Amino acid sequence: MAPVNFDIKHLRMARAPSKTLEVTVANIKSQKKRILTNAKAADRNRAVRSELKTRVKSATASIGTDDDSSLRIAMSKIDRAVAKGILHKNTAARKKSRLMQKINAGS
């Protein structure tokens, strides 16, 4: 089930074990703010992950060519995702290693 975004303030979404969607209204002011900030952060993280996937795909598509700029950009995006706390450092190391293995095998 795809995540549902609400534009209505003060709503919190919770997933029940039965995979149904339950919407709860927060009563505490700080919790209302956390709901909004968490939604903003989730949107930012989703955008960074999407950009990361795009750059890795373009780097793998450029295998066999002399252009290494897409590889450098992909590595940079991976490192930036770690710096922003979106990817764990070991996940980033694994992604970079697999990308380099593909590049070296194709060269």
N, C-alpha and C. Protein backbone atom coordinates (compact mmCIF):
# COMPACT_ATOMS: atom_id res chain seq x y z
N MET A 1 0.85 -1.17 0.00
CA MET A 1 0.00 0.00 0.00
C MET A 1 0.89 1.23 0.00
N ALA A 2 0.65 2.15 -0.94
CA ALA A 2 1.45 3.35 -1.06
C ALA A 2 1.13 4.32 0.08
N PRO A 3 2.13 5.08 0.52
CA PRO A 3 1.87 6.04 1.59
C PRO A 3 0.93 7.14 1.12
N VAL A 4 0.10 7.61 2.02
CA VAL A 4 -0.87 8.64 1.71
C VAL A 4 -0.42 9.92 2.39
N ASN A 5 -0.38 11.01 1.64
CA ASN A 5 0.01 12.30 2.21
C ASN A 5 -1.24 13.13 2.45
N PHE A 6 -1.34 13.70 3.64
CA PHE A 6 -2.46 14.58 3.96
C PHE A 6 -1.95 16.00 4.00
N ASP A 7 -2.71 16.92 3.43
CA ASP A 7 -2.38 18.33 3.52
C ASP A 7 -3.04 18.97 4.73
N ILE A 8 -3.92 18.24 5.37
CA ILE A 8 -4.63 18.76 6.53
C ILE A 8 -3.68 18.75 7.72
N LYS A 9 -3.64 19.86 8.43
CA LYS A 9 -2.76 19.95 9.60
C LYS A 9 -3.29 19.08 10.73
N HIS A 10 -2.41 18.74 11.61
CA HIS A 10 -2.72 18.07 12.87
C HIS A 10 -3.22 16.64 12.69
N LEU A 11 -2.83 15.98 11.63
CA LEU A 11 -3.22 14.59 11.46
C LEU A 11 -1.99 13.71 11.54
N ARG A 12 -2.16 12.59 12.15
CA ARG A 12 -1.07 11.63 12.26
C ARG A 12 -1.56 10.34 11.64
N MET A 13 -0.72 9.73 10.82
CA MET A 13 -1.10 8.48 10.19
C MET A 13 -0.40 7.33 10.88
N ALA A 14 -1.13 6.28 11.13
CA ALA A 14 -0.56 5.10 11.78
C ALA A 14 -0.99 3.88 10.99
N ARG A 15 -0.08 2.95 10.84
CA ARG A 15 -0.39 1.70 10.15
C ARG A 15 -0.76 0.66 11.20
N ALA A 16 -1.93 0.10 11.06
CA ALA A 16 -2.37 -0.95 11.97
C ALA A 16 -1.83 -2.28 11.47
N PRO A 17 -1.74 -3.29 12.32
CA PRO A 17 -1.22 -4.58 11.87
C PRO A 17 -2.01 -5.20 10.72
N SER A 18 -3.28 -4.82 10.58
CA SER A 18 -4.09 -5.40 9.51
C SER A 18 -3.93 -4.65 8.19
N LYS A 19 -2.92 -3.79 8.10
CA LYS A 19 -2.60 -3.03 6.89
C LYS A 19 -3.69 -2.02 6.53
N THR A 20 -4.53 -1.65 7.49
CA THR A 20 -5.52 -0.63 7.24
C THR A 20 -4.96 0.71 7.69
N LEU A 21 -5.49 1.75 7.13
CA LEU A 21 -5.00 3.09 7.43
C LEU A 21 -5.87 3.72 8.51
N GLU A 22 -5.23 4.21 9.55
CA GLU A 22 -5.94 4.82 10.66
C GLU A 22 -5.42 6.24 10.83
N VAL A 23 -6.29 7.20 10.86
CA VAL A 23 -5.90 8.60 11.03
C VAL A 23 -6.29 9.04 12.42
N THR A 24 -5.31 9.59 13.15
CA THR A 24 -5.55 10.02 14.51
C THR A 24 -5.24 11.50 14.61
N VAL A 25 -6.01 12.21 15.39
CA VAL A 25 -5.79 13.63 15.57
C VAL A 25 -4.94 13.83 16.82
N ALA A 26 -3.85 14.59 16.66
CA ALA A 26 -2.98 14.87 17.80
C ALA A 26 -3.59 16.00 18.63
N ASN A 27 -3.43 15.91 19.93
CA ASN A 27 -3.96 16.93 20.83
C ASN A 27 -2.87 17.84 21.39
N ILE A 28 -1.65 17.37 21.42
CA ILE A 28 -0.56 18.11 22.03
C ILE A 28 0.12 18.97 20.97
N LYS A 29 0.40 20.20 21.32
CA LYS A 29 0.95 21.16 20.37
C LYS A 29 2.29 20.71 19.79
N SER A 30 3.15 20.18 20.64
CA SER A 30 4.46 19.75 20.16
C SER A 30 4.33 18.54 19.23
N GLN A 31 3.36 17.69 19.49
CA GLN A 31 3.15 16.53 18.62
C GLN A 31 2.61 16.97 17.26
N LYS A 32 1.77 17.99 17.25
CA LYS A 32 1.27 18.52 15.98
C LYS A 32 2.43 19.04 15.14
N LYS A 33 3.36 19.71 15.80
CA LYS A 33 4.53 20.23 15.09
C LYS A 33 5.42 19.09 14.60
N ARG A 34 5.60 18.07 15.41
CA ARG A 34 6.43 16.93 15.00
C ARG A 34 5.84 16.22 13.79
N ILE A 35 4.51 16.14 13.72
CA ILE A 35 3.86 15.51 12.58
C ILE A 35 4.21 16.26 11.30
N LEU A 36 4.14 17.59 11.37
CA LEU A 36 4.44 18.40 10.19
C LEU A 36 5.92 18.31 9.81
N THR A 37 6.81 18.39 10.79
CA THR A 37 8.24 18.35 10.48
C THR A 37 8.65 16.97 10.00
N ASN A 38 8.05 15.92 10.54
CA ASN A 38 8.36 14.57 10.06
C ASN A 38 7.91 14.38 8.61
N ALA A 39 6.77 14.95 8.26
CA ALA A 39 6.29 14.85 6.88
C ALA A 39 7.23 15.59 5.93
N LYS A 40 7.71 16.76 6.33
CA LYS A 40 8.65 17.51 5.50
C LYS A 40 9.95 16.74 5.32
N ALA A 41 10.45 16.17 6.41
CA ALA A 41 11.70 15.41 6.33
C ALA A 41 11.53 14.18 5.46
N ALA A 42 10.39 13.51 5.56
CA ALA A 42 10.14 12.33 4.74
C ALA A 42 10.12 12.69 3.26
N ASP A 43 9.53 13.83 2.93
CA ASP A 43 9.51 14.28 1.54
C ASP A 43 10.91 14.59 1.04
N ARG A 44 11.71 15.25 1.89
CA ARG A 44 13.09 15.56 1.49
C ARG A 44 13.89 14.28 1.30
N ASN A 45 13.76 13.34 2.23
CA ASN A 45 14.50 12.09 2.14
C ASN A 45 14.10 11.31 0.90
N ARG A 46 12.82 11.30 0.57
CA ARG A 46 12.34 10.60 -0.62
C ARG A 46 12.95 11.21 -1.87
N ALA A 47 13.04 12.53 -1.91
CA ALA A 47 13.63 13.22 -3.07
C ALA A 47 15.11 12.89 -3.21
N VAL A 48 15.82 12.85 -2.10
CA VAL A 48 17.26 12.55 -2.16
C VAL A 48 17.48 11.11 -2.61
N ARG A 49 16.68 10.17 -2.08
CA ARG A 49 16.82 8.77 -2.49
C ARG A 49 16.50 8.59 -3.97
N SER A 50 15.49 9.29 -4.45
CA SER A 50 15.12 9.20 -5.86
C SER A 50 16.25 9.73 -6.74
N GLU A 51 16.81 10.87 -6.36
CA GLU A 51 17.93 11.45 -7.11
C GLU A 51 19.13 10.50 -7.09
N LEU A 52 19.36 9.86 -5.97
CA LEU A 52 20.46 8.92 -5.83
C LEU A 52 20.29 7.75 -6.79
N LYS A 53 19.08 7.18 -6.84
CA LYS A 53 18.82 6.07 -7.75
C LYS A 53 19.01 6.48 -9.21
N THR A 54 18.56 7.69 -9.55
CA THR A 54 18.70 8.19 -10.91
C THR A 54 20.17 8.31 -11.28
N ARG A 55 20.97 8.86 -10.39
CA ARG A 55 22.40 9.05 -10.68
C ARG A 55 23.14 7.72 -10.80
N VAL A 56 22.77 6.75 -9.96
CA VAL A 56 23.42 5.43 -10.03
C VAL A 56 23.04 4.75 -11.36
N LYS A 57 21.79 4.89 -11.77
CA LYS A 57 21.36 4.31 -13.05
C LYS A 57 22.09 4.95 -14.22
N SER A 58 22.26 6.27 -14.18
CA SER A 58 22.97 6.94 -15.27
C SER A 58 24.45 6.55 -15.28
N ALA A 59 25.01 6.30 -14.10
CA ALA A 59 26.41 5.88 -14.03
C ALA A 59 26.57 4.48 -14.60
N THR A 60 25.63 3.58 -14.31
CA THR A 60 25.72 2.22 -14.86
C THR A 60 25.44 2.23 -16.36
N ALA A 61 24.61 3.17 -16.81
CA ALA A 61 24.33 3.26 -18.25
C ALA A 61 25.54 3.77 -19.02
N SER A 62 26.41 4.50 -18.35
CA SER A 62 27.59 5.05 -19.03
C SER A 62 28.78 4.11 -19.00
N ILE A 63 28.56 2.86 -18.59
CA ILE A 63 29.64 1.88 -18.58
C ILE A 63 30.10 1.63 -20.02
N GLY A 64 31.39 1.63 -20.21
CA GLY A 64 31.95 1.39 -21.54
C GLY A 64 32.31 2.67 -22.27
N THR A 65 31.84 3.80 -21.78
CA THR A 65 32.21 5.07 -22.39
C THR A 65 33.36 5.68 -21.59
N ASP A 66 33.98 6.69 -22.17
CA ASP A 66 35.10 7.34 -21.50
C ASP A 66 34.65 8.42 -20.52
N ASP A 67 33.36 8.68 -20.48
CA ASP A 67 32.83 9.73 -19.61
C ASP A 67 32.71 9.21 -18.18
N ASP A 68 33.52 9.77 -17.28
CA ASP A 68 33.46 9.34 -15.88
C ASP A 68 32.76 10.36 -15.00
N SER A 69 32.18 11.41 -15.60
CA SER A 69 31.52 12.43 -14.79
C SER A 69 30.27 11.88 -14.10
N SER A 70 29.53 10.99 -14.79
CA SER A 70 28.33 10.43 -14.16
C SER A 70 28.71 9.54 -12.97
N LEU A 71 29.84 8.87 -13.06
CA LEU A 71 30.31 8.05 -11.93
C LEU A 71 30.67 8.94 -10.75
N ARG A 72 31.39 10.04 -11.03
CA ARG A 72 31.77 10.95 -9.96
C ARG A 72 30.55 11.58 -9.30
N ILE A 73 29.56 11.93 -10.10
CA ILE A 73 28.33 12.52 -9.56
C ILE A 73 27.59 11.51 -8.69
N ALA A 74 27.51 10.26 -9.15
CA ALA A 74 26.83 9.22 -8.37
C ALA A 74 27.53 8.99 -7.04
N MET A 75 28.84 8.91 -7.05
CA MET A 75 29.59 8.73 -5.80
C MET A 75 29.38 9.92 -4.86
N SER A 76 29.35 11.11 -5.43
CA SER A 76 29.14 12.31 -4.63
C SER A 76 27.75 12.30 -4.00
N LYS A 77 26.74 11.89 -4.77
CA LYS A 77 25.37 11.84 -4.24
C LYS A 77 25.26 10.82 -3.11
N ILE A 78 25.95 9.70 -3.25
CA ILE A 78 25.94 8.69 -2.19
C ILE A 78 26.57 9.26 -0.92
N ASP A 79 27.70 9.94 -1.08
CA ASP A 79 28.38 10.52 0.08
C ASP A 79 27.52 11.61 0.74
N ARG A 80 26.84 12.40 -0.07
CA ARG A 80 25.98 13.45 0.49
C ARG A 80 24.80 12.85 1.24
N ALA A 81 24.27 11.75 0.74
CA ALA A 81 23.14 11.10 1.43
C ALA A 81 23.59 10.61 2.80
N VAL A 82 24.83 10.13 2.90
CA VAL A 82 25.35 9.71 4.21
C VAL A 82 25.51 10.92 5.12
N ALA A 83 26.03 12.00 4.57
CA ALA A 83 26.24 13.20 5.38
C ALA A 83 24.93 13.77 5.90
N LYS A 84 23.86 13.63 5.12
CA LYS A 84 22.55 14.12 5.54
C LYS A 84 21.83 13.15 6.46
N GLY A 85 22.38 11.95 6.63
CA GLY A 85 21.77 10.97 7.51
C GLY A 85 20.67 10.16 6.84
N ILE A 86 20.61 10.18 5.53
CA ILE A 86 19.57 9.45 4.81
C ILE A 86 19.98 8.00 4.58
N LEU A 87 21.26 7.79 4.33
CA LEU A 87 21.80 6.44 4.18
C LEU A 87 22.77 6.14 5.31
N HIS A 88 22.81 4.90 5.73
CA HIS A 88 23.82 4.45 6.69
C HIS A 88 25.15 4.34 5.96
N LYS A 89 26.24 4.55 6.68
CA LYS A 89 27.55 4.55 6.01
C LYS A 89 27.88 3.19 5.40
N ASN A 90 27.46 2.11 6.03
CA ASN A 90 27.73 0.79 5.45
C ASN A 90 26.90 0.55 4.20
N THR A 91 25.68 1.06 4.18
CA THR A 91 24.85 0.95 2.99
C THR A 91 25.49 1.72 1.84
N ALA A 92 26.00 2.89 2.14
CA ALA A 92 26.67 3.69 1.12
C ALA A 92 27.92 2.99 0.61
N ALA A 93 28.69 2.40 1.51
CA ALA A 93 29.90 1.68 1.10
C ALA A 93 29.54 0.51 0.19
N ARG A 94 28.45 -0.19 0.52
CA ARG A 94 28.01 -1.32 -0.30
C ARG A 94 27.57 -0.85 -1.69
N LYS A 95 26.81 0.24 -1.74
CA LYS A 95 26.35 0.77 -3.03
C LYS A 95 27.54 1.21 -3.89
N LYS A 96 28.50 1.90 -3.27
CA LYS A 96 29.67 2.35 -4.01
C LYS A 96 30.50 1.18 -4.50
N SER A 97 30.64 0.16 -3.67
CA SER A 97 31.41 -1.01 -4.04
C SER A 97 30.77 -1.74 -5.22
N ARG A 98 29.46 -1.92 -5.16
CA ARG A 98 28.76 -2.61 -6.24
C ARG A 98 28.81 -1.81 -7.53
N LEU A 99 28.72 -0.49 -7.40
CA LEU A 99 28.81 0.36 -8.59
C LEU A 99 30.20 0.26 -9.21
N MET A 100 31.23 0.27 -8.39
CA MET A 100 32.60 0.16 -8.91
C MET A 100 32.85 -1.22 -9.53
N GLN A 101 32.26 -2.25 -8.96
CA GLN A 101 32.40 -3.59 -9.53
C GLN A 101 31.79 -3.64 -10.93
N LYS A 102 30.62 -3.01 -11.10
CA LYS A 102 30.00 -2.95 -12.41
C LYS A 102 30.84 -2.17 -13.40
N ILE A 103 31.37 -1.05 -12.93
CA ILE A 103 32.19 -0.20 -13.80
C ILE A 103 33.46 -0.94 -14.23
N ASN A 104 34.11 -1.60 -13.28
CA ASN A 104 35.35 -2.31 -13.60
C ASN A 104 35.11 -3.53 -14.47
N ALA A 105 33.97 -4.19 -14.29
CA ALA A 105 33.66 -5.36 -15.12
C ALA A 105 33.34 -4.94 -16.55
N GLY A 106 32.75 -3.76 -16.70
CA GLY A 106 32.36 -3.30 -18.04
C GLY A 106 33.49 -2.63 -18.79
N SER A 107 34.53 -2.22 -18.10
CA SER A 107 35.62 -1.51 -18.76
C SER A 107 36.58 -2.44 -19.44
